[in-house]
Amino acid sequence: MASVTVFVPRDAAALSLGAEEVAQAIAAEADARKIDITIVRNGTRGMVWLEPLVEVALSNGRVGYGPVSASDVRSLFDADFLQGGRHALNVGPVEKIPYFATQQRLTFARVGVTDPVSLEDYIAHDGYQGLMRSLSLGPADIIKEVTDSGLRGRGGAAFPTGIKWKTVADAPADQKYVTCNADEGDSGTFADRMLMEGDPFCLIEGMTIAAIAVGATEGYIYLRCEYPHAHRALNAAIEAAYAEDYLGDNIRGSGKQFSLAVRLGAGAYICGEETSMLESLEGKRGEIRPRPPLPAIKGLFGRPTIVNNVMSLASVPIILQKGGEFHKHFGVGRSRGTLTVQLGGNIKRGGLIEKAFGVTLREILYDYGGGSATGRPIRAVQVGGPLGAYLPESQFDTPLDYEAFANIQAMLGHGGIVAFDDTVDMAQMARYAMEFCAIESCGKCTPCRIGSTRGVEVMDRVISGQNREFHLTLVEELCDTMLNGSLCGLGGLVPYPVQSAMRHFRADFLK
């Protein structure tokens, strides 16, 4: 019998659920039965409730089994799972699972499909086509494709990527940089980690295209130290890219050069802000820089610098491969392309969903998430990380669109969605937002440093019933000061969760 390929994920979530033990058990059982198999350690498909999801490559596609534990392996072999045999854990053809089949995967097209650190596998699945096309275009033409695509930063500000790149390209300097902010610190977010662990070449290719577009020759991925699996995958992929001249002094014989390295941060939330990240990259304490000047003019070591996050840069290869108009075809209004939604919290089917902008929050929560894990009504969701607004059920029909969320005083941010059932105490959640800011503040500006600390104290008085109306008014005034006086989005966005909780769930502050 010909060797059968079995896929066992190496993603951190799958590993935490026993994927390593499953892979070892499969290898040992196949050896004991003298069956020739090839085990590929892929990324995750994003269906976390099925992890570890073991896939078997058959002539008509890949069949999945999950969630698999090491103790299930023997029965899988007994059921002839290598030929797609029937078993209680058989979930059928993976790409026909409803959660997965209705997605629109552009950025995550290869995640869960390929061997993440195999350059050969990456190229076989359309990898580096965007870069090769870029090498035949001029820098201005590359930037035009990105601009025409409608790509906006997949972080908090949603700034148009093409404008940022053009600013760097037009800035005169003898040295320019491309930096990737991979300091994914928002609660409920994991898309960056999944991409870096499951398809690191995609990020590397996107950064290389960006460098060619603006004339940069050096790049850095600023990665939080809590992501050791992503760190290993990135370093292995970078080494392979150098070996085949996709990085280095003469990229694929074009005469273009770009060097790339990973730098580890200590996990400070504030370093998710671009200027704090640059300070940390320079070896300094992670603190906000006043702006102007913008990093695009005076960034890393005082030179013009692209600062994009992982999802922004990972969107670039397919834009250059298929053209800006292809990417612009997805989405609604000024929100073009796809959003990688990360669904977590009190939810039955958590995981990653990549859909074109315009899908509603309700569709994500119920069609994909299946409702709450407890079976109780979902009372609130927080969208956009710990500084995102809390949305009530009456706003669940809001489409995932930057402007639609701005209209309801909310933000999409990095696409993290955390669900809460009707047992949640929203006064405590508002207090937590202030406490989070107090802990994570860099201390540079008074509204954030002092405001958040005073905010915790005032919230404690509200919760304990001390002159509630007076103190709730004080919270509102404090939020106004933080919103308008903070140097960056940490202090400036804390009012979103606090005020939304007070606005939509007022009863929790008065009980």
Protein backbone atom coordinates (compact mmCIF):
# COMPACT_ATOMS: atom_id res chain seq x y z
CA MET A 1 0.00 0.00 0.00
CA ALA A 2 1.29 3.46 -0.91
CA SER A 3 2.22 5.81 1.90
CA VAL A 4 -0.77 7.73 3.30
CA THR A 5 -0.34 11.33 4.41
CA VAL A 6 -1.79 12.17 7.80
CA PHE A 7 -2.02 15.79 8.98
CA VAL A 8 -1.73 16.57 12.70
CA PRO A 9 -1.69 20.27 13.64
CA ARG A 10 1.27 21.95 15.29
CA ASP A 11 -0.75 25.04 16.23
CA ALA A 12 -0.41 26.15 19.86
CA ALA A 13 -4.12 25.61 20.58
CA ALA A 14 -3.98 22.05 19.21
CA LEU A 15 -0.76 21.35 21.10
CA SER A 16 -2.39 22.52 24.34
CA LEU A 17 -5.12 19.94 23.71
CA GLY A 18 -2.73 17.04 23.14
CA ALA A 19 -1.78 17.19 19.44
CA GLU A 20 1.84 16.22 20.12
CA GLU A 21 0.79 13.08 21.98
CA VAL A 22 -1.66 12.26 19.18
CA ALA A 23 1.06 12.57 16.51
CA GLN A 24 3.38 10.33 18.51
CA ALA A 25 0.63 7.76 19.08
CA ILE A 26 -0.22 7.66 15.36
CA ALA A 27 3.44 7.18 14.43
CA ALA A 28 3.88 4.42 17.02
CA GLU A 29 0.68 2.58 16.03
CA ALA A 30 1.54 2.74 12.32
CA ASP A 31 5.00 1.39 13.09
CA ALA A 32 3.58 -1.44 15.18
CA ARG A 33 1.20 -2.39 12.36
CA LYS A 34 3.92 -1.95 9.73
CA ILE A 35 1.88 0.65 7.84
CA ASP A 36 3.73 3.27 5.81
CA ILE A 37 2.46 6.76 6.62
CA THR A 38 3.77 10.31 6.29
CA ILE A 39 2.85 12.67 9.11
CA VAL A 40 2.70 16.36 8.22
CA ARG A 41 2.45 18.86 11.05
CA ASN A 42 0.16 21.50 9.59
CA GLY A 43 -1.47 24.61 11.03
CA THR A 44 -5.01 24.60 12.38
CA ARG A 45 -8.11 25.06 10.23
CA GLY A 46 -9.45 27.29 13.00
CA MET A 47 -12.23 24.99 14.26
CA VAL A 48 -10.90 24.93 17.80
CA TRP A 49 -13.71 22.79 19.22
CA LEU A 50 -12.52 19.94 16.93
CA GLU A 51 -8.87 20.14 17.93
CA PRO A 52 -6.77 18.11 17.69
CA LEU A 53 -8.25 17.63 14.20
CA VAL A 54 -6.47 14.79 12.40
CA GLU A 55 -6.83 14.79 8.62
CA VAL A 56 -6.16 11.97 6.16
CA ALA A 57 -5.36 12.76 2.51
CA LEU A 58 -7.49 10.61 0.21
CA SER A 59 -7.81 10.70 -3.58
CA ASN A 60 -10.99 12.77 -3.32
CA GLY A 61 -9.82 15.18 -0.62
CA ARG A 62 -9.04 15.25 3.08
CA VAL A 63 -11.24 13.54 5.68
CA GLY A 64 -11.11 14.74 9.27
CA TYR A 65 -11.36 13.10 12.67
CA GLY A 66 -11.70 15.13 15.81
CA PRO A 67 -11.28 15.95 18.52
CA VAL A 68 -8.74 13.13 18.75
CA SER A 69 -6.88 12.09 21.90
CA ALA A 70 -3.97 9.69 22.07
CA SER A 71 -6.28 7.06 23.56
CA ASP A 72 -8.43 7.19 20.39
CA VAL A 73 -5.61 6.28 18.01
CA ARG A 74 -5.86 2.51 18.23
CA SER A 75 -9.58 2.54 17.50
CA LEU A 76 -8.97 4.86 14.55
CA PHE A 77 -6.60 2.33 13.02
CA ASP A 78 -9.06 -0.48 13.78
CA ALA A 79 -11.71 1.50 11.87
CA ASP A 80 -9.33 1.90 8.90
CA PHE A 81 -9.25 5.68 9.23
CA LEU A 82 -6.35 5.83 6.78
CA GLN A 83 -8.91 5.01 4.10
CA GLY A 84 -11.61 7.28 5.53
CA GLY A 85 -13.25 4.54 7.60
CA ARG A 86 -16.31 5.13 9.74
CA HIS A 87 -15.63 6.15 13.31
CA ALA A 88 -17.41 8.20 15.97
CA LEU A 89 -14.84 10.97 15.49
CA ASN A 90 -15.20 11.10 11.69
CA VAL A 91 -16.35 14.61 10.72
CA GLY A 92 -16.31 13.92 6.97
CA PRO A 93 -14.56 15.95 4.28
CA VAL A 94 -12.99 18.84 6.17
CA GLU A 95 -13.70 21.50 3.59
CA LYS A 96 -17.42 20.58 3.59
CA ILE A 97 -17.89 21.18 7.31
CA PRO A 98 -20.45 24.04 7.33
CA TYR A 99 -18.36 26.22 9.67
CA PHE A 100 -15.48 26.04 7.19
CA ALA A 101 -17.24 25.68 3.82
CA THR A 102 -18.99 29.05 3.95
CA GLN A 103 -15.84 31.04 4.70
CA GLN A 104 -13.97 33.17 2.16
CA ARG A 105 -10.34 32.41 2.86
CA LEU A 106 -7.90 34.78 1.18
CA THR A 107 -5.29 35.46 3.85
CA PHE A 108 -5.77 32.03 5.45
CA ALA A 109 -6.01 30.05 2.20
CA ARG A 110 -3.00 27.87 3.07
CA VAL A 111 -3.34 27.70 6.87
CA GLY A 112 -4.15 24.13 7.84
CA VAL A 113 -3.45 22.95 4.29
CA THR A 114 0.33 23.08 3.96
CA ASP A 115 3.41 22.23 5.96
CA PRO A 116 4.09 25.69 7.43
CA VAL A 117 7.89 25.56 7.18
CA SER A 118 8.14 23.86 3.77
CA LEU A 119 9.06 26.42 1.11
CA GLU A 120 8.35 23.80 -1.56
CA ASP A 121 4.84 23.30 -0.20
CA TYR A 122 4.27 27.06 -0.04
CA ILE A 123 5.27 27.55 -3.67
CA ALA A 124 3.14 24.58 -4.74
CA HIS A 125 0.11 26.37 -3.25
CA ASP A 126 0.60 29.69 -5.13
CA GLY A 127 3.16 31.09 -2.71
CA TYR A 128 5.53 33.83 -3.89
CA GLN A 129 3.48 34.53 -7.02
CA GLY A 130 2.72 37.98 -5.63
CA LEU A 131 6.40 38.69 -5.03
CA MET A 132 7.43 37.51 -8.48
CA ARG A 133 4.84 39.80 -10.05
CA SER A 134 6.06 42.64 -7.83
CA LEU A 135 9.58 42.23 -9.15
CA SER A 136 8.25 42.94 -12.65
CA LEU A 137 6.46 46.13 -11.53
CA GLY A 138 7.79 49.47 -10.46
CA PRO A 139 7.40 50.59 -6.82
CA ALA A 140 4.63 53.03 -7.75
CA ASP A 141 2.69 50.27 -9.50
CA ILE A 142 2.92 48.02 -6.43
CA ILE A 143 1.62 50.80 -4.22
CA LYS A 144 -1.18 51.49 -6.70
CA GLU A 145 -2.33 47.86 -6.53
CA VAL A 146 -2.41 48.02 -2.73
CA THR A 147 -4.23 51.36 -2.83
CA ASP A 148 -6.74 50.13 -5.42
CA SER A 149 -7.42 47.02 -3.31
CA GLY A 150 -8.91 49.15 -0.54
CA LEU A 151 -6.73 47.40 2.06
CA ARG A 152 -6.86 49.13 5.43
CA GLY A 153 -4.84 48.34 8.52
CA ARG A 154 -6.30 45.32 10.29
CA GLY A 155 -5.75 46.89 13.69
CA GLY A 156 -7.48 49.66 15.58
CA ALA A 157 -7.18 52.68 13.27
CA ALA A 158 -8.01 50.97 9.93
CA PHE A 159 -5.74 53.45 8.12
CA PRO A 160 -5.44 52.89 4.34
CA THR A 161 -2.33 50.80 3.76
CA GLY A 162 -1.55 52.26 0.34
CA ILE A 163 -1.41 55.81 1.72
CA LYS A 164 0.97 54.73 4.47
CA TRP A 165 3.25 52.99 1.97
CA LYS A 166 3.25 55.98 -0.40
CA THR A 167 4.24 58.28 2.46
CA VAL A 168 7.25 56.07 3.24
CA ALA A 169 8.13 55.73 -0.45
CA ASP A 170 8.07 59.50 -0.95
CA ALA A 171 10.15 60.27 2.16
CA PRO A 172 13.81 60.94 1.22
CA ALA A 173 16.25 58.79 3.21
CA ASP A 174 19.30 56.59 2.70
CA GLN A 175 17.74 53.84 4.86
CA LYS A 176 14.13 52.73 5.26
CA TYR A 177 12.55 49.93 7.28
CA VAL A 178 9.56 47.60 7.19
CA THR A 179 8.32 46.51 10.61
CA CYS A 180 5.57 44.08 11.49
CA ASN A 181 3.77 44.53 14.78
CA ALA A 182 3.13 40.94 15.85
CA ASP A 183 2.62 41.87 19.50
CA GLU A 184 -0.89 40.41 19.50
CA GLY A 185 -2.13 41.37 22.94
CA ASP A 186 -5.88 41.92 22.63
CA SER A 187 -8.03 39.52 24.61
CA GLY A 188 -9.85 37.11 22.33
CA THR A 189 -7.43 37.48 19.43
CA PHE A 190 -5.25 34.77 17.92
CA ALA A 191 -5.30 35.28 14.13
CA ASP A 192 -1.72 36.62 14.06
CA ARG A 193 -0.47 33.61 15.97
CA MET A 194 -2.39 31.20 13.76
CA LEU A 195 -0.99 32.80 10.60
CA MET A 196 2.59 32.87 11.84
CA GLU A 197 2.43 29.28 13.06
CA GLY A 198 0.43 28.00 10.08
CA ASP A 199 1.76 30.01 7.10
CA PRO A 200 4.82 32.10 8.06
CA PHE A 201 5.97 32.48 4.45
CA CYS A 202 2.82 34.51 3.73
CA LEU A 203 3.92 37.18 6.21
CA ILE A 204 7.50 37.09 4.94
CA GLU A 205 6.33 37.50 1.35
CA GLY A 206 4.08 40.42 2.29
CA MET A 207 6.93 42.19 4.07
CA THR A 208 9.27 41.63 1.13
CA ILE A 209 6.74 43.13 -1.29
CA ALA A 210 6.34 46.11 1.05
CA ALA A 211 10.11 46.61 1.14
CA ILE A 212 10.38 46.61 -2.65
CA ALA A 213 7.49 49.07 -2.88
CA VAL A 214 9.05 51.70 -0.61
CA GLY A 215 12.77 51.06 -1.11
CA ALA A 216 13.43 49.51 2.30
CA THR A 217 16.27 47.02 2.75
CA GLU A 218 15.77 45.91 6.36
CA GLY A 219 12.78 44.53 8.21
CA TYR A 220 11.83 43.29 11.65
CA ILE A 221 8.98 41.21 13.01
CA TYR A 222 8.25 42.35 16.56
CA LEU A 223 6.90 39.21 18.21
CA ARG A 224 5.63 38.78 21.75
CA CYS A 225 7.72 36.29 23.71
CA GLU A 226 4.59 34.31 24.66
CA TYR A 227 4.51 32.91 21.11
CA PRO A 228 7.39 30.39 21.09
CA HIS A 229 5.83 28.17 18.40
CA ALA A 230 5.39 31.14 16.08
CA HIS A 231 8.96 32.19 16.82
CA ARG A 232 10.33 28.81 15.74
CA ALA A 233 8.16 28.68 12.62
CA LEU A 234 9.15 32.21 11.55
CA ASN A 235 12.85 31.56 12.04
CA ALA A 236 12.68 28.29 10.09
CA ALA A 237 10.79 29.98 7.24
CA ILE A 238 13.16 32.95 7.15
CA GLU A 239 16.13 30.59 6.96
CA ALA A 240 14.51 28.70 4.06
CA ALA A 241 13.69 31.97 2.26
CA TYR A 242 17.31 33.11 2.52
CA ALA A 243 18.54 29.75 1.21
CA GLU A 244 16.49 30.14 -2.00
CA ASP A 245 17.10 33.90 -2.46
CA TYR A 246 13.60 35.00 -1.54
CA LEU A 247 15.41 37.12 1.06
CA GLY A 248 18.92 38.52 0.96
CA ASP A 249 21.11 40.70 -1.23
CA ASN A 250 19.75 39.63 -4.62
CA ILE A 251 16.10 38.53 -4.40
CA ARG A 252 15.55 35.94 -7.12
CA GLY A 253 18.23 37.60 -9.27
CA SER A 254 16.40 40.95 -9.38
CA GLY A 255 19.12 43.02 -7.77
CA LYS A 256 16.66 43.95 -4.99
CA GLN A 257 17.70 43.32 -1.41
CA PHE A 258 15.83 42.81 1.83
CA SER A 259 16.99 41.33 5.12
CA LEU A 260 14.51 40.20 7.76
CA ALA A 261 14.79 39.17 11.41
CA VAL A 262 12.52 38.43 14.37
CA ARG A 263 12.84 40.45 17.58
CA LEU A 264 11.10 39.37 20.79
CA GLY A 265 9.17 41.74 23.01
CA ALA A 266 8.41 41.09 26.66
CA GLY A 267 4.65 41.08 26.20
CA ALA A 268 3.77 44.62 27.31
CA TYR A 269 0.33 45.51 25.94
CA ILE A 270 1.45 49.06 25.22
CA CYS A 271 3.95 47.77 22.64
CA GLY A 272 1.03 46.93 20.42
CA GLU A 273 0.94 50.69 19.77
CA GLU A 274 3.25 51.46 16.85
CA THR A 275 5.53 54.08 18.41
CA SER A 276 5.96 52.10 21.65
CA MET A 277 6.90 49.10 19.51
CA LEU A 278 9.53 51.18 17.71
CA GLU A 279 10.95 52.34 21.04
CA SER A 280 11.21 48.72 22.18
CA LEU A 281 12.81 47.67 18.88
CA GLU A 282 15.47 50.31 19.48
CA GLY A 283 16.20 48.76 22.87
CA LYS A 284 14.39 51.38 24.92
CA ARG A 285 11.52 51.22 27.35
CA GLY A 286 8.23 50.77 25.53
CA GLU A 287 6.66 54.21 25.75
CA ILE A 288 4.49 56.29 23.46
CA ARG A 289 6.16 58.82 21.18
CA PRO A 290 4.25 62.06 20.66
CA ARG A 291 3.10 62.49 17.07
CA PRO A 292 3.93 64.17 14.72
CA PRO A 293 6.30 63.13 13.30
CA LEU A 294 4.62 59.97 12.08
CA PRO A 295 6.63 56.73 11.86
CA ALA A 296 6.23 56.86 8.08
CA ILE A 297 8.42 59.99 8.16
CA LYS A 298 10.55 59.40 11.24
CA GLY A 299 10.20 55.87 12.58
CA LEU A 300 12.74 53.21 13.52
CA PHE A 301 16.08 54.86 14.33
CA GLY A 302 14.62 58.09 12.99
CA ARG A 303 14.16 56.73 9.44
CA PRO A 304 11.00 56.34 7.32
CA THR A 305 9.30 53.13 8.45
CA ILE A 306 6.32 51.03 7.48
CA VAL A 307 4.52 49.79 10.57
CA ASN A 308 1.78 47.27 9.74
CA ASN A 309 0.35 44.38 11.69
CA VAL A 310 0.42 40.72 10.66
CA MET A 311 -2.98 40.59 8.97
CA SER A 312 -2.31 43.73 6.92
CA LEU A 313 0.99 42.41 5.56
CA ALA A 314 -0.35 38.88 5.07
CA SER A 315 -3.12 40.33 2.87
CA VAL A 316 -0.56 41.75 0.43
CA PRO A 317 0.61 38.59 -1.43
CA ILE A 318 -2.82 37.73 -2.84
CA ILE A 319 -3.41 41.39 -3.77
CA LEU A 320 -0.23 41.40 -5.86
CA GLN A 321 -0.93 37.91 -7.20
CA LYS A 322 -4.50 38.58 -8.36
CA GLY A 323 -4.65 42.36 -8.48
CA GLY A 324 -6.18 45.10 -6.41
CA GLU A 325 -9.55 44.83 -8.12
CA PHE A 326 -9.86 41.17 -7.10
CA HIS A 327 -9.40 42.09 -3.44
CA LYS A 328 -11.73 45.09 -3.72
CA HIS A 329 -14.47 42.78 -4.97
CA PHE A 330 -14.90 41.47 -1.41
CA GLY A 331 -16.51 43.57 1.32
CA VAL A 332 -18.85 46.55 1.63
CA GLY A 333 -18.51 50.33 1.54
CA ARG A 334 -14.99 51.41 2.44
CA SER A 335 -14.26 48.09 4.16
CA ARG A 336 -12.78 45.93 1.42
CA GLY A 337 -11.41 42.42 1.44
CA THR A 338 -11.93 39.95 4.26
CA LEU A 339 -11.80 40.15 8.04
CA THR A 340 -10.33 37.36 10.13
CA VAL A 341 -12.85 37.11 12.95
CA GLN A 342 -11.67 35.42 16.13
CA LEU A 343 -14.60 34.10 18.12
CA GLY A 344 -14.19 33.23 21.78
CA GLY A 345 -15.59 33.61 25.28
CA ASN A 346 -18.84 31.90 26.25
CA ILE A 347 -19.46 30.37 22.82
CA LYS A 348 -20.17 26.82 21.68
CA ARG A 349 -17.94 26.77 18.59
CA GLY A 350 -15.04 29.15 19.03
CA GLY A 351 -12.39 29.62 16.40
CA LEU A 352 -11.33 31.63 13.39
CA ILE A 353 -13.71 32.72 10.62
CA GLU A 354 -12.50 34.61 7.54
CA LYS A 355 -15.37 36.36 5.79
CA ALA A 356 -15.81 39.39 3.57
CA PHE A 357 -16.71 42.56 5.45
CA GLY A 358 -20.47 42.91 5.77
CA VAL A 359 -21.34 39.70 7.63
CA THR A 360 -23.36 40.56 10.73
CA LEU A 361 -22.39 40.00 14.32
CA ARG A 362 -25.48 37.80 14.76
CA GLU A 363 -24.40 35.53 11.90
CA ILE A 364 -20.98 35.10 13.49
CA LEU A 365 -22.39 34.38 16.94
CA TYR A 366 -25.10 31.94 15.92
CA ASP A 367 -24.48 30.58 12.41
CA TYR A 368 -20.81 29.96 13.16
CA GLY A 369 -20.54 30.07 16.95
CA GLY A 370 -23.74 28.11 17.61
CA GLY A 371 -24.76 30.39 20.48
CA SER A 372 -23.38 30.34 24.01
CA ALA A 373 -21.53 27.35 25.42
CA THR A 374 -23.84 27.38 28.44
CA GLY A 375 -27.01 27.43 26.35
CA ARG A 376 -28.08 30.66 28.01
CA PRO A 377 -28.87 33.83 26.02
CA ILE A 378 -25.88 35.85 24.82
CA ARG A 379 -26.29 39.15 26.62
CA ALA A 380 -23.23 41.09 25.45
CA VAL A 381 -20.24 40.80 23.17
CA GLN A 382 -17.03 42.77 23.24
CA VAL A 383 -15.60 43.43 19.80
CA GLY A 384 -12.08 44.75 19.24
CA GLY A 385 -10.16 43.58 22.30
CA PRO A 386 -10.14 44.86 25.90
CA LEU A 387 -10.66 48.44 24.69
CA GLY A 388 -13.61 47.54 22.46
CA ALA A 389 -17.21 48.47 23.19
CA TYR A 390 -19.69 46.08 24.78
CA LEU A 391 -22.60 45.53 22.42
CA PRO A 392 -26.09 44.42 23.51
CA GLU A 393 -28.35 41.99 21.64
CA SER A 394 -30.13 44.91 19.97
CA GLN A 395 -26.93 45.67 18.02
CA PHE A 396 -26.13 42.11 16.92
CA ASP A 397 -27.40 42.84 13.41
CA THR A 398 -24.66 45.41 12.86
CA PRO A 399 -22.51 44.40 9.86
CA LEU A 400 -18.80 43.95 10.46
CA ASP A 401 -17.74 47.13 8.72
CA TYR A 402 -15.47 49.90 10.03
CA GLU A 403 -17.95 52.71 9.42
CA ALA A 404 -20.98 50.77 10.67
CA PHE A 405 -19.19 50.13 13.95
CA ALA A 406 -18.04 53.75 14.23
CA ASN A 407 -21.69 54.79 13.86
CA ILE A 408 -22.59 52.86 17.02
CA GLN A 409 -19.53 54.12 18.94
CA ALA A 410 -17.67 50.84 18.60
CA MET A 411 -14.67 49.56 16.69
CA LEU A 412 -13.69 46.35 14.91
CA GLY A 413 -10.05 46.52 15.93
CA HIS A 414 -8.25 43.26 15.26
CA GLY A 415 -11.49 41.31 14.81
CA GLY A 416 -11.65 39.64 18.22
CA ILE A 417 -15.17 38.85 19.46
CA VAL A 418 -15.74 37.70 23.05
CA ALA A 419 -19.24 36.56 24.02
CA PHE A 420 -20.89 36.74 27.46
CA ASP A 421 -24.13 35.08 28.53
CA ASP A 422 -26.81 36.64 30.75
CA THR A 423 -24.93 35.90 33.98
CA VAL A 424 -22.31 38.56 33.27
CA ASP A 425 -22.08 41.61 35.56
CA MET A 426 -21.37 44.53 33.25
CA ALA A 427 -20.41 46.88 36.08
CA GLN A 428 -17.57 44.52 36.89
CA MET A 429 -16.60 44.41 33.21
CA ALA A 430 -16.45 48.23 33.11
CA ARG A 431 -14.27 48.20 36.20
CA TYR A 432 -12.00 45.63 34.56
CA ALA A 433 -11.44 47.96 31.59
CA MET A 434 -10.17 50.67 33.91
CA GLU A 435 -8.04 48.18 35.84
CA PHE A 436 -6.56 46.79 32.62
CA CYS A 437 -5.54 50.29 31.54
CA ALA A 438 -4.03 51.06 34.95
CA ILE A 439 -1.90 47.90 34.79
CA GLU A 440 -0.83 48.25 31.16
CA SER A 441 -0.31 52.02 30.92
CA CYS A 442 3.23 53.05 29.98
CA GLY A 443 2.85 56.06 32.30
CA LYS A 444 3.82 58.62 29.68
CA CYS A 445 0.69 60.77 29.92
CA THR A 446 -1.38 61.85 32.91
CA PRO A 447 -4.90 61.11 31.60
CA CYS A 448 -4.04 57.44 31.06
CA ARG A 449 -1.72 56.92 34.04
CA ILE A 450 -3.79 58.73 36.67
CA GLY A 451 -7.19 58.57 35.01
CA SER A 452 -7.31 54.79 34.90
CA THR A 453 -6.22 54.47 38.54
CA ARG A 454 -8.86 56.97 39.67
CA GLY A 455 -11.32 55.15 37.39
CA VAL A 456 -10.90 51.90 39.31
CA GLU A 457 -11.44 53.73 42.59
CA VAL A 458 -14.61 55.47 41.38
CA MET A 459 -15.98 52.23 39.88
CA ASP A 460 -15.46 50.52 43.23
CA ARG A 461 -17.59 53.22 44.85
CA VAL A 462 -20.31 52.73 42.25
CA ILE A 463 -20.33 48.96 42.73
CA SER A 464 -20.43 49.29 46.53
CA GLY A 465 -23.40 51.68 46.30
CA GLN A 466 -21.72 54.89 47.46
CA ASN A 467 -23.64 57.88 46.04
CA ARG A 468 -24.02 56.07 42.73
CA GLU A 469 -25.41 58.82 40.49
CA PHE A 470 -22.70 61.26 41.53
CA HIS A 471 -19.94 58.74 40.91
CA LEU A 472 -21.42 57.59 37.58
CA THR A 473 -21.32 61.23 36.46
CA LEU A 474 -17.72 61.38 37.64
CA VAL A 475 -16.91 58.29 35.55
CA GLU A 476 -18.39 59.97 32.46
CA GLU A 477 -16.29 63.09 33.03
CA LEU A 478 -13.19 60.99 33.59
CA CYS A 479 -13.83 59.08 30.35
CA ASP A 480 -14.15 62.37 28.47
CA THR A 481 -10.76 63.49 29.81
CA MET A 482 -9.10 60.19 28.91
CA LEU A 483 -10.67 60.14 25.45
CA ASN A 484 -9.53 63.64 24.53
CA GLY A 485 -6.32 63.96 26.50
CA SER A 486 -4.45 60.65 26.18
CA LEU A 487 -1.42 60.41 23.91
CA CYS A 488 -2.43 57.06 22.40
CA GLY A 489 -5.28 54.62 22.04
CA LEU A 490 -4.75 52.84 25.37
CA GLY A 491 -6.09 55.65 27.55
CA GLY A 492 -8.04 57.11 24.66
CA LEU A 493 -10.10 53.97 24.02
CA VAL A 494 -10.86 52.86 27.59
CA PRO A 495 -14.04 54.99 27.45
CA TYR A 496 -15.41 52.62 24.76
CA PRO A 497 -15.96 49.59 27.04
CA VAL A 498 -16.76 51.70 30.10
CA GLN A 499 -19.30 54.03 28.50
CA SER A 500 -20.91 51.32 26.36
CA ALA A 501 -21.44 49.17 29.46
CA MET A 502 -22.97 52.15 31.27
CA ARG A 503 -25.13 53.06 28.28
CA HIS A 504 -26.51 49.62 27.40
CA PHE A 505 -26.49 47.85 30.77
CA ARG A 506 -27.31 50.65 33.20
CA ALA A 507 -29.19 48.37 35.59
CA ASP A 508 -25.98 46.55 36.48
CA PHE A 509 -24.54 49.78 37.89
CA LEU A 510 -27.57 50.48 40.07
CA LYS A 511 -28.29 47.14 41.69
